Amino acid sequence: MRYISTRGGGAPRRFSEILLDGLAPDGGLYVPECLPVIGKDTLRRWRGLSYPDLALEILSLFADDIQADDLARIVRATYTAQVFGDAAITPVLTLEPGIHLLRLSNGPTLAFKDIAMQLLGRLFERALAENGERLNILGATSGDTGSAAEYAMRLRRGISVYMLSPDGRMSPFQRAQMYGLSDPNIHNIAVEGDFDTCQALVKRVSADAAFKQNHRIGTVNSINWARVAAQIVYYFKAWAAVATDPDEPVSFAVPSGNFGNICAGHIARQMGLPVDRLILATNENDVLDEFFRTGQYRPRGLAEATSSPSMDISRASNLERFVFDMVGRDPAELRHLFGQGSFDLAGTPWFEAIDRFGIVSGSSTHQDRLTTIRMAWARWGIEIDPHTADGIKVGLERRPASGTLICLETALPAKFESVMVEALGRKPARPSGFAAIEDMPQHVTVLPADLERLMDYIETHDRD
């Protein structure tokens, strides 16, 4: 398996060569040169596998330059009941006939990001030990990526984390999870701006080849291919849990901010997973919904602050991977489109053929989230967080008239207490160990959205 940049620069590279890099040197995102195709016989065999065994089968296709024994050891050490609270890792809860919830939020930070990030921590540590190197991870978070990355990397040898978050735009629980860590290799930086501001700074640092090399900068955002590869697994696992035969298609409802989670579903579908629809759900920051409805990609200036803050994103990095497929994997066309900042594909052959990718979309408002949270409690007796509510609301609207719908959970309600109190009139249950997390001392540095200030901060602390 070899990887190429969406923007066409450089020679194809292997998985281990791109693992620590994140962005390609030309500013593009790495994608497989060609995707493996999974036939029906393989799907039948995979249906009975445990989560670790299925993860090993799928990841072996994408990381075939890692010795089989090493990869097996890493995968089986990652996906355990001790880490994820259930031997199934991502159990499926049937809400009613034909409607299911994929539980993705039982990892250490109570969000779906743990599923990929716990794997990355071990993969990074192995790669660094093998090469005798160290790594400075630079990331941006709108809420959950940051804590998942920090909890996955905090005890890893040779790794430091510099995590940018939008100042004042996360929930108190999310801030406490991140800023409460006092490990010397964890650096929390609150940036004056929104998530898009943070993400732009990460990309600008990564684009400085000399600084990136001197300080060995890597990324853990979903611009990192390994994150997406790890998330492909639970689409296959969820399908296997509910489908009655290898030909039965299912639809997935996916709350989407940076397009990473649903990008994994798109790739699984391209590989041969029987997917009817991928239903993309946004909040009031509806750039992605607008694109899939109209063909117009129009990032906004500043993302609106909402009650599903992890999706308060205007520029979704992983959309580039999808558009690359959409335009026939033509890097010149891809560079032209994203070089404009915004673009309109309405009326083009590419948009007219978008149905072949099976993605439909919709959006939610704050009131929609409250209504859906109340409906889920009254109808199914479950508490769902506001992002999952976005997904369920749009999923129920855009699902096929017949067929199976799987809604992806993104986080536990405990992370968004004020919204849950507004919706249900009570505080959500908290898992053990999180009772007074907001009372912990917090460690964070506030910086303006200034590239030089950020690079100075990294340089100063990299010498410590």
Protein backbone atom coordinates (compact mmCIF):
# COMPACT_ATOMS: atom_id res chain seq x y z
CA MET A 1 0.00 0.00 0.00
CA ARG A 2 1.39 3.38 -1.04
CA TYR A 3 0.07 6.89 -0.34
CA ILE A 4 -0.12 9.97 -2.51
CA SER A 5 -0.95 13.61 -1.84
CA THR A 6 -4.31 14.98 -2.94
CA ARG A 7 -2.35 17.85 -4.49
CA GLY A 8 -0.04 15.64 -6.54
CA GLY A 9 3.34 16.54 -5.10
CA GLY A 10 6.13 14.10 -4.28
CA ALA A 11 6.59 10.39 -4.83
CA PRO A 12 4.24 7.79 -3.33
CA ARG A 13 5.14 6.82 0.24
CA ARG A 14 4.46 3.93 2.62
CA PHE A 15 2.31 4.04 5.77
CA SER A 16 5.23 4.27 8.20
CA GLU A 17 6.66 7.17 6.19
CA ILE A 18 3.49 9.27 6.47
CA LEU A 19 2.42 8.21 9.97
CA LEU A 20 4.16 11.02 11.83
CA ASP A 21 3.76 13.73 9.20
CA GLY A 22 0.08 14.65 8.93
CA LEU A 23 0.02 17.00 5.94
CA ALA A 24 2.01 16.17 2.81
CA PRO A 25 4.87 18.60 2.01
CA ASP A 26 2.78 20.21 -0.77
CA GLY A 27 -0.02 20.99 1.70
CA GLY A 28 -2.24 18.14 0.53
CA LEU A 29 -3.67 15.23 2.48
CA TYR A 30 -2.41 11.69 2.09
CA VAL A 31 -4.75 9.12 0.57
CA PRO A 32 -4.13 5.53 -0.58
CA GLU A 33 -2.85 5.26 -4.14
CA CYS A 34 -5.65 2.74 -4.62
CA LEU A 35 -8.14 1.33 -2.14
CA PRO A 36 -8.42 -2.37 -1.32
CA VAL A 37 -11.70 -3.91 -2.49
CA ILE A 38 -13.45 -6.23 -0.05
CA GLY A 39 -15.44 -9.05 -1.64
CA LYS A 40 -18.48 -10.85 -0.27
CA ASP A 41 -16.51 -13.87 0.89
CA THR A 42 -14.29 -11.65 2.99
CA LEU A 43 -17.30 -9.78 4.37
CA ARG A 44 -18.83 -13.11 5.41
CA ARG A 45 -15.63 -14.07 7.21
CA TRP A 46 -15.32 -10.69 8.90
CA ARG A 47 -18.86 -10.79 10.30
CA GLY A 48 -17.85 -13.15 13.08
CA LEU A 49 -14.61 -11.44 14.12
CA SER A 50 -14.02 -9.65 17.40
CA TYR A 51 -13.25 -5.95 17.23
CA PRO A 52 -9.47 -6.40 17.69
CA ASP A 53 -9.36 -9.14 15.05
CA LEU A 54 -11.39 -7.08 12.59
CA ALA A 55 -9.23 -4.02 13.25
CA LEU A 56 -6.14 -6.09 12.56
CA GLU A 57 -7.57 -7.37 9.27
CA ILE A 58 -8.43 -3.86 8.05
CA LEU A 59 -5.38 -2.03 9.36
CA SER A 60 -3.10 -4.68 7.86
CA LEU A 61 -4.35 -3.56 4.46
CA PHE A 62 -3.32 0.05 5.08
CA ALA A 63 -0.17 -0.48 7.19
CA ASP A 64 1.36 -3.42 5.35
CA ASP A 65 4.90 -2.19 6.01
CA ILE A 66 4.55 -2.79 9.75
CA GLN A 67 5.57 -6.30 10.76
CA ALA A 68 2.50 -8.45 11.31
CA ASP A 69 3.48 -9.42 14.86
CA ASP A 70 4.10 -5.79 15.83
CA LEU A 71 0.81 -4.58 14.41
CA ALA A 72 -1.08 -7.43 16.09
CA ARG A 73 0.50 -6.60 19.44
CA ILE A 74 -0.38 -2.90 19.12
CA VAL A 75 -3.97 -3.50 17.98
CA ARG A 76 -4.73 -6.07 20.67
CA ALA A 77 -3.20 -3.91 23.40
CA THR A 78 -5.33 -0.96 22.24
CA TYR A 79 -8.77 -2.47 21.87
CA THR A 80 -9.53 -4.00 25.25
CA ALA A 81 -12.51 -3.98 27.58
CA GLN A 82 -10.27 -2.36 30.20
CA VAL A 83 -9.74 0.70 27.97
CA PHE A 84 -13.19 0.90 26.36
CA GLY A 85 -15.44 -0.55 29.05
CA ASP A 86 -16.87 -3.32 26.85
CA ALA A 87 -15.29 -6.26 25.03
CA ALA A 88 -17.33 -5.24 21.97
CA ILE A 89 -15.42 -1.89 21.99
CA THR A 90 -18.15 -0.23 19.86
CA PRO A 91 -21.39 -1.99 20.87
CA VAL A 92 -24.58 -1.41 18.91
CA LEU A 93 -27.76 -0.55 20.81
CA THR A 94 -31.05 -1.28 19.06
CA LEU A 95 -33.42 1.62 19.70
CA GLU A 96 -36.31 0.11 17.76
CA PRO A 97 -36.60 -2.17 14.74
CA GLY A 98 -34.48 -0.68 11.96
CA ILE A 99 -32.90 2.08 14.09
CA HIS A 100 -29.66 1.55 16.02
CA LEU A 101 -27.12 3.58 17.97
CA LEU A 102 -23.41 2.83 17.54
CA ARG A 103 -21.86 3.44 20.94
CA LEU A 104 -18.49 5.06 20.35
CA SER A 105 -17.97 7.04 23.55
CA ASN A 106 -16.82 4.70 26.29
CA GLY A 107 -13.09 5.40 25.98
CA PRO A 108 -10.95 7.35 28.45
CA THR A 109 -12.30 10.79 27.41
CA LEU A 110 -15.92 9.77 26.71
CA ALA A 111 -15.83 10.63 22.99
CA PHE A 112 -15.47 8.73 19.72
CA LYS A 113 -12.04 10.27 19.11
CA ASP A 114 -10.57 7.81 21.64
CA ILE A 115 -11.06 4.88 19.27
CA ALA A 116 -8.49 6.14 16.79
CA MET A 117 -6.34 8.17 19.18
CA GLN A 118 -5.56 5.29 21.52
CA LEU A 119 -4.19 3.40 18.53
CA LEU A 120 -2.17 6.39 17.33
CA GLY A 121 -0.47 6.71 20.70
CA ARG A 122 0.93 3.20 20.42
CA LEU A 123 1.78 3.52 16.72
CA PHE A 124 3.63 6.79 17.32
CA GLU A 125 5.58 5.38 20.27
CA ARG A 126 6.66 2.34 18.24
CA ALA A 127 7.79 4.43 15.29
CA LEU A 128 9.79 6.82 17.46
CA ALA A 129 11.48 4.04 19.43
CA GLU A 130 12.40 2.27 16.19
CA ASN A 131 14.01 5.41 14.76
CA GLY A 132 15.43 6.81 17.99
CA GLU A 133 13.49 10.04 17.44
CA ARG A 134 11.15 12.31 19.36
CA LEU A 135 7.99 14.06 18.14
CA ASN A 136 6.20 17.31 18.88
CA ILE A 137 2.53 16.80 18.10
CA LEU A 138 0.73 19.96 17.05
CA GLY A 139 -3.04 19.73 16.93
CA ALA A 140 -6.23 21.75 16.90
CA THR A 141 -9.43 20.81 18.66
CA SER A 142 -13.00 22.00 18.66
CA GLY A 143 -13.64 20.02 21.83
CA ASP A 144 -12.94 16.29 21.87
CA THR A 145 -9.85 15.67 19.72
CA GLY A 146 -7.65 17.54 22.16
CA SER A 147 -8.46 15.56 25.27
CA ALA A 148 -8.42 12.26 23.36
CA ALA A 149 -4.96 13.06 21.96
CA GLU A 150 -3.58 14.21 25.29
CA TYR A 151 -4.86 11.19 27.19
CA ALA A 152 -3.45 8.90 24.49
CA MET A 153 -0.02 10.59 24.41
CA ARG A 154 0.54 11.72 27.99
CA LEU A 155 2.59 8.67 29.01
CA ARG A 156 4.28 8.02 25.66
CA ARG A 157 8.06 8.19 25.44
CA GLY A 158 9.54 10.81 23.14
CA ILE A 159 6.26 12.66 22.55
CA SER A 160 5.14 16.17 23.49
CA VAL A 161 1.71 17.60 22.63
CA TYR A 162 0.89 21.21 21.74
CA MET A 163 -2.89 21.41 21.48
CA LEU A 164 -4.66 24.53 20.21
CA SER A 165 -8.25 25.14 21.26
CA PRO A 166 -10.59 28.09 20.65
CA ASP A 167 -10.56 30.25 23.77
CA GLY A 168 -13.92 30.11 25.58
CA ARG A 169 -15.69 27.97 22.96
CA MET A 170 -15.63 24.52 24.56
CA SER A 171 -17.87 23.20 27.31
CA PRO A 172 -16.59 23.46 30.91
CA PHE A 173 -16.17 19.66 31.00
CA GLN A 174 -14.15 19.66 27.77
CA ARG A 175 -11.89 22.44 29.05
CA ALA A 176 -11.38 20.67 32.36
CA GLN A 177 -10.46 17.39 30.64
CA MET A 178 -7.70 19.08 28.68
CA TYR A 179 -6.50 21.88 30.93
CA GLY A 180 -6.60 19.69 34.03
CA LEU A 181 -3.63 17.65 32.84
CA SER A 182 -0.34 18.65 34.46
CA ASP A 183 1.98 16.26 32.62
CA PRO A 184 5.14 18.10 31.51
CA ASN A 185 4.78 16.87 27.91
CA ILE A 186 1.27 18.35 27.53
CA HIS A 187 0.92 21.99 26.44
CA ASN A 188 -2.56 23.49 26.17
CA ILE A 189 -2.82 26.70 24.15
CA ALA A 190 -6.11 28.60 24.01
CA VAL A 191 -6.18 30.67 20.83
CA GLU A 192 -8.19 33.86 20.52
CA GLY A 193 -10.50 32.77 17.69
CA ASP A 194 -12.53 29.77 16.56
CA PHE A 195 -11.54 26.23 15.59
CA ASP A 196 -10.87 27.27 12.00
CA THR A 197 -8.34 29.78 13.35
CA CYS A 198 -6.61 27.01 15.31
CA GLN A 199 -6.63 24.61 12.37
CA ALA A 200 -5.21 27.28 10.04
CA LEU A 201 -2.32 27.86 12.45
CA VAL A 202 -1.54 24.14 12.55
CA LYS A 203 -1.44 24.03 8.75
CA ARG A 204 0.75 27.13 8.53
CA VAL A 205 3.27 25.69 10.98
CA SER A 206 3.25 22.40 9.06
CA ALA A 207 3.83 24.30 5.82
CA ASP A 208 7.11 25.73 7.17
CA ALA A 209 9.37 22.86 6.09
CA ALA A 210 12.43 24.05 8.02
CA PHE A 211 10.56 24.63 11.30
CA LYS A 212 8.68 21.34 10.91
CA GLN A 213 11.93 19.44 10.42
CA ASN A 214 13.89 21.25 13.14
CA HIS A 215 11.20 20.65 15.74
CA ARG A 216 9.91 17.33 14.36
CA ILE A 217 6.29 18.50 14.11
CA GLY A 218 3.56 15.89 13.59
CA THR A 219 -0.22 15.99 13.78
CA VAL A 220 -3.06 13.98 15.29
CA ASN A 221 -6.01 15.77 13.72
CA SER A 222 -7.96 13.79 11.17
CA ILE A 223 -5.69 15.28 8.52
CA ASN A 224 -3.47 12.40 9.72
CA TRP A 225 -4.36 9.39 7.57
CA ALA A 226 -3.91 6.90 10.43
CA ARG A 227 -6.81 8.54 12.29
CA VAL A 228 -9.15 7.97 9.36
CA ALA A 229 -7.90 4.40 8.79
CA ALA A 230 -8.64 3.47 12.41
CA GLN A 231 -12.18 4.83 12.13
CA ILE A 232 -12.98 2.72 9.06
CA VAL A 233 -13.05 -0.32 11.34
CA TYR A 234 -16.18 0.55 13.30
CA TYR A 235 -18.25 1.05 10.13
CA PHE A 236 -17.56 -2.55 9.15
CA LYS A 237 -18.15 -3.73 12.73
CA ALA A 238 -21.47 -1.87 13.04
CA TRP A 239 -22.69 -3.23 9.70
CA ALA A 240 -21.76 -6.77 10.79
CA ALA A 241 -23.72 -6.31 14.03
CA VAL A 242 -27.02 -5.50 12.31
CA ALA A 243 -26.93 -6.87 8.75
CA THR A 244 -28.45 -10.29 8.21
CA ASP A 245 -26.43 -11.16 5.10
CA PRO A 246 -23.42 -9.79 3.14
CA ASP A 247 -25.67 -8.09 0.59
CA GLU A 248 -27.77 -6.09 3.05
CA PRO A 249 -27.04 -2.35 2.89
CA VAL A 250 -27.37 -0.06 5.88
CA SER A 251 -27.36 3.73 6.24
CA PHE A 252 -25.22 5.68 8.70
CA ALA A 253 -26.13 9.04 10.26
CA VAL A 254 -22.93 10.91 11.12
CA PRO A 255 -22.60 14.24 12.96
CA SER A 256 -19.86 16.05 11.06
CA GLY A 257 -17.59 19.01 11.72
CA ASN A 258 -14.19 18.37 10.13
CA PHE A 259 -15.51 15.60 7.82
CA GLY A 260 -13.11 13.04 9.32
CA ASN A 261 -15.64 10.61 10.80
CA ILE A 262 -17.85 10.48 7.72
CA CYS A 263 -14.76 10.38 5.48
CA ALA A 264 -13.95 7.03 7.08
CA GLY A 265 -17.47 5.87 6.18
CA HIS A 266 -16.99 7.12 2.62
CA ILE A 267 -13.80 5.07 2.33
CA ALA A 268 -15.47 1.99 3.81
CA ARG A 269 -18.20 2.32 1.19
CA GLN A 270 -15.60 2.68 -1.57
CA MET A 271 -13.96 -0.51 -0.29
CA GLY A 272 -17.18 -2.45 -0.72
CA LEU A 273 -19.07 -2.12 2.56
CA PRO A 274 -22.80 -2.30 1.68
CA VAL A 275 -23.81 1.27 2.54
CA ASP A 276 -27.05 2.72 1.21
CA ARG A 277 -26.66 6.30 2.47
CA LEU A 278 -24.11 8.23 4.47
CA ILE A 279 -26.22 10.91 6.14
CA LEU A 280 -24.15 13.95 7.07
CA ALA A 281 -25.48 16.12 9.89
CA THR A 282 -24.23 19.62 10.68
CA ASN A 283 -25.32 22.22 13.20
CA GLU A 284 -25.86 25.89 12.38
CA ASN A 285 -22.37 25.91 10.83
CA ASP A 286 -23.79 24.31 7.72
CA VAL A 287 -21.01 24.73 5.14
CA LEU A 288 -20.92 20.97 4.51
CA ASP A 289 -24.69 20.67 4.28
CA GLU A 290 -24.77 23.51 1.76
CA PHE A 291 -22.04 21.84 -0.31
CA PHE A 292 -23.82 18.49 -0.55
CA ARG A 293 -27.18 20.12 -1.28
CA THR A 294 -26.06 22.74 -3.80
CA GLY A 295 -22.48 22.09 -4.89
CA GLN A 296 -21.37 25.42 -3.39
CA TYR A 297 -18.44 25.35 -0.98
CA ARG A 298 -18.49 28.67 0.93
CA PRO A 299 -16.49 28.71 4.18
CA ARG A 300 -17.66 31.45 6.54
CA GLY A 301 -15.46 34.01 8.23
CA LEU A 302 -15.99 32.97 11.85
CA ALA A 303 -17.83 29.84 12.90
CA GLU A 304 -20.95 30.42 14.97
CA ALA A 305 -20.76 29.28 18.59
CA THR A 306 -23.46 26.65 19.19
CA SER A 307 -24.62 24.11 21.73
CA SER A 308 -22.85 21.34 19.77
CA PRO A 309 -19.45 23.05 19.93
CA SER A 310 -17.30 20.23 18.57
CA MET A 311 -18.94 20.85 15.19
CA ASP A 312 -18.43 24.63 15.18
CA ILE A 313 -16.23 24.40 12.10
CA SER A 314 -16.41 26.27 8.82
CA ARG A 315 -13.45 24.77 6.94
CA ALA A 316 -13.56 20.98 7.06
CA SER A 317 -10.10 19.70 6.18
CA ASN A 318 -11.15 16.19 5.24
CA LEU A 319 -13.55 17.44 2.60
CA GLU A 320 -10.44 17.67 0.43
CA ARG A 321 -10.13 13.87 0.47
CA PHE A 322 -13.72 13.54 -0.71
CA VAL A 323 -13.46 16.21 -3.40
CA PHE A 324 -10.30 14.47 -4.65
CA ASP A 325 -12.43 11.38 -5.35
CA MET A 326 -15.26 13.52 -6.67
CA VAL A 327 -13.08 15.12 -9.39
CA GLY A 328 -11.69 11.78 -10.52
CA ARG A 329 -8.54 12.02 -8.36
CA ASP A 330 -7.18 14.82 -10.50
CA PRO A 331 -4.65 16.73 -8.33
CA ALA A 332 -4.47 19.69 -10.72
CA GLU A 333 -8.23 20.21 -10.50
CA LEU A 334 -8.12 19.73 -6.75
CA ARG A 335 -5.40 22.38 -6.40
CA HIS A 336 -7.40 24.75 -8.58
CA LEU A 337 -10.58 24.38 -6.53
CA PHE A 338 -9.08 24.72 -3.06
CA GLY A 339 -6.74 27.45 -4.25
CA GLN A 340 -9.81 29.62 -4.75
CA GLY A 341 -10.91 29.33 -1.13
CA SER A 342 -14.51 28.78 -2.19
CA PHE A 343 -15.97 27.21 -5.31
CA ASP A 344 -19.21 26.16 -6.96
CA LEU A 345 -19.58 22.73 -8.62
CA ALA A 346 -23.29 23.09 -9.40
CA GLY A 347 -23.97 22.08 -12.99
CA THR A 348 -20.62 20.32 -13.40
CA PRO A 349 -20.41 16.61 -14.31
CA TRP A 350 -18.80 16.02 -10.93
CA PHE A 351 -21.73 17.34 -8.92
CA GLU A 352 -24.30 15.81 -11.23
CA ALA A 353 -22.73 12.42 -10.49
CA ILE A 354 -22.48 12.95 -6.72
CA ASP A 355 -25.24 10.41 -6.08
CA ARG A 356 -22.75 7.63 -6.75
CA PHE A 357 -21.09 8.44 -3.43
CA GLY A 358 -24.31 8.01 -1.45
CA ILE A 359 -23.93 11.10 0.76
CA VAL A 360 -26.97 13.18 1.71
CA SER A 361 -27.07 15.92 4.31
CA GLY A 362 -29.09 18.12 6.65
CA SER A 363 -28.62 20.51 9.57
CA SER A 364 -29.94 21.21 13.06
CA THR A 365 -30.61 24.19 15.30
CA HIS A 366 -30.34 24.50 19.07
CA GLN A 367 -34.08 23.94 19.38
CA ASP A 368 -33.81 20.85 17.17
CA ARG A 369 -31.17 19.44 19.52
CA LEU A 370 -33.31 20.02 22.60
CA THR A 371 -36.31 18.42 20.89
CA THR A 372 -34.28 15.38 19.79
CA ILE A 373 -32.72 14.89 23.23
CA ARG A 374 -36.20 14.94 24.77
CA MET A 375 -37.55 12.59 22.10
CA ALA A 376 -34.71 10.09 22.65
CA TRP A 377 -35.43 10.00 26.37
CA ALA A 378 -39.21 9.70 25.98
CA ARG A 379 -39.13 7.21 23.08
CA TRP A 380 -36.07 5.08 23.85
CA GLY A 381 -35.12 5.85 27.46
CA ILE A 382 -31.60 7.01 26.58
CA GLU A 383 -29.67 10.22 27.13
CA ILE A 384 -27.79 11.52 24.09
CA ASP A 385 -25.39 14.42 23.81
CA PRO A 386 -26.19 17.42 21.54
CA HIS A 387 -23.90 16.27 18.68
CA THR A 388 -25.46 12.82 18.62
CA ALA A 389 -28.82 14.61 18.64
CA ASP A 390 -27.80 16.46 15.47
CA GLY A 391 -27.04 13.10 13.87
CA ILE A 392 -30.26 11.40 14.95
CA LYS A 393 -32.43 14.34 13.92
CA VAL A 394 -30.99 14.48 10.39
CA GLY A 395 -30.73 10.70 10.18
CA LEU A 396 -34.43 10.23 10.82
CA GLU A 397 -35.24 12.90 8.23
CA ARG A 398 -32.96 11.63 5.47
CA ARG A 399 -33.02 7.86 5.98
CA PRO A 400 -34.44 5.73 3.14
CA ALA A 401 -38.11 4.82 3.40
CA SER A 402 -37.09 1.27 4.23
CA GLY A 403 -33.85 -0.21 5.46
CA THR A 404 -31.63 -0.02 8.50
CA LEU A 405 -30.30 3.19 10.05
CA ILE A 406 -27.25 3.27 12.33
CA CYS A 407 -26.71 6.57 14.16
CA LEU A 408 -23.16 7.27 15.33
CA GLU A 409 -22.77 8.44 18.92
CA THR A 410 -20.06 11.06 19.29
CA ALA A 411 -19.77 11.73 23.04
CA LEU A 412 -21.45 11.07 26.36
CA PRO A 413 -23.96 13.66 27.64
CA ALA A 414 -21.83 14.35 30.73
CA LYS A 415 -19.56 16.48 28.58
CA PHE A 416 -22.39 18.94 27.83
CA GLU A 417 -24.18 19.34 31.13
CA SER A 418 -25.83 22.72 30.57
CA VAL A 419 -27.54 21.59 27.35
CA MET A 420 -28.76 18.41 29.02
CA VAL A 421 -30.16 20.39 31.95
CA GLU A 422 -31.96 22.69 29.53
CA ALA A 423 -33.38 19.74 27.60
CA LEU A 424 -34.29 17.34 30.43
CA GLY A 425 -34.27 19.46 33.56
CA ARG A 426 -31.54 17.43 35.26
CA LYS A 427 -27.82 16.82 35.13
CA PRO A 428 -26.71 13.77 33.14
CA ALA A 429 -25.04 10.84 34.84
CA ARG A 430 -21.26 10.98 35.06
CA PRO A 431 -18.99 7.95 34.80
CA SER A 432 -16.87 7.27 37.87
CA GLY A 433 -13.76 9.40 38.10
CA PHE A 434 -15.33 12.49 36.53
CA ALA A 435 -17.44 13.75 39.43
CA ALA A 436 -15.58 16.99 40.14
CA ILE A 437 -13.40 17.36 37.06
CA GLU A 438 -14.17 21.08 36.69
CA ASP A 439 -12.72 21.73 40.17
CA MET A 440 -9.23 20.56 39.22
CA PRO A 441 -6.48 23.17 38.72
CA GLN A 442 -6.20 24.05 35.04
CA HIS A 443 -3.03 24.63 33.03
CA VAL A 444 -3.40 26.65 29.83
CA THR A 445 -1.67 29.47 27.98
CA VAL A 446 -3.78 31.98 26.05
CA LEU A 447 -2.22 33.25 22.82
CA PRO A 448 -3.46 35.54 20.05
CA ALA A 449 -3.97 34.03 16.60
CA ASP A 450 -0.41 34.90 15.67
CA LEU A 451 1.88 32.45 13.84
CA GLU A 452 5.12 33.92 15.19
CA ARG A 453 3.87 33.83 18.80
CA LEU A 454 2.88 30.18 18.39
CA MET A 455 6.20 29.20 16.80
CA ASP A 456 8.10 31.06 19.54
CA TYR A 457 6.11 29.16 22.18
CA ILE A 458 6.90 25.79 20.58
CA GLU A 459 10.57 26.68 20.14
CA THR A 460 10.91 27.85 23.75
CA HIS A 461 9.26 24.77 25.24
CA ASP A 462 11.01 22.39 22.86
CA ARG A 463 14.29 23.47 24.47
CA ASP A 464 13.03 22.87 28.03
